[in-house]
Amino acid sequence: KQAEKAVHQKKEQSKTKCRKARRRHINLVAEFNRRQRKNIWLETHIWHAKRFHMVKKWGYCLGDSPTEKSYRACYRAMTKHCLLQDLSYYCCLELTGKENELLKQLARICSVDTGLTFEEASCLSGRFEGSLNLYRADRYPEDMLGPVTFIWKPRDGSENRQLWIWMHPALKQDMLRELKAVFQCSEPEEIYIPEPITTTIQEEKQMDVVLSLGKKRKKEDKEGEKAVPVKKIIGDGTRDPFQSYSWISQSTGIVISDRTMEILRYRLIGPLSHSVLTETLKAASLQTV
């Protein structure tokens, strides 16, 4: 019976598309999206999946430990070169509004007794990143929400400022709920609905013709003609892509936006980290009209 079952499975596999057809871009996107219905991938997921044991935590699929039995390569990179970590699964909440209104309400969820606050001069200027513990409004030293890091966007001459607050995904819902209550942001600003990828059947056929030049014959892909437009996943493991991601206060005009997975975050460790950044990032030339 097992032999008959194996033969039957082999016949079924032979009816599937060839590897070239399976590896077409639109088919890869559809397969990747299907596999991300429950756990979102980071942009470095494929690189990690080939080299790490993957775990499913906080709505993401993350690299946990390397498959190599030796950790010398990572240790050597941290001590002599540069080691990069993908922290894009950390959640980012963006606050936009008048600086005095932001500071007034943010003072209710932190305390000077624990160290610096959102009003620290070096952080308020946008030059440095700050870190602190958040509490429920007017509840210090009780009801701590958790640790966060924050970055102010440098001043541009306007009274409106932007503040990015980064937190662990396990803390995201509690902190978002508290910030919405403090700033009285209950009305959704807008709801974003992902648009389907613009690749059409005609464009796919044209691409097939280009790839088939110089070959004797081209295999027809009957299933490709019936393929529906593939929607790109927008969202993260802590948010449904079809739910609101931005809220506005009708009284103060302050806007809270969920920027998780829209802003990538990487951590560089090692003595050559600054050298790597210098070689990687190039300043854009200013264009004057």
Foldseek 3Di string as FASTA:
>chain_A
DVVVVVVVVVVVVVPDDDPVVCPDPQNVQQVQVVVLPQAHEAPCRVVLVVFADWDGPLRHIDGDGGPDPDPVVVVCCQAANKDKDWPLQWWKKKKKAFPVVVVVLQCQFFDCVFPDGCVPPCQQQQNDKAKGWTAAGNDPPPRTLGIWIKGWDHDDPDRMTMMMITGHSVSVVVVVVRVCVSLVFDAFPDWDDFDFDPDDLVNVVVVQVVVCPPPPDGDDDPVSVVDDTDTHDDDHRNDHNGDGFKTAHPPRGMMMGTCRSVDIDMDMHHPCPVVVCVVPDDDDDDDDD
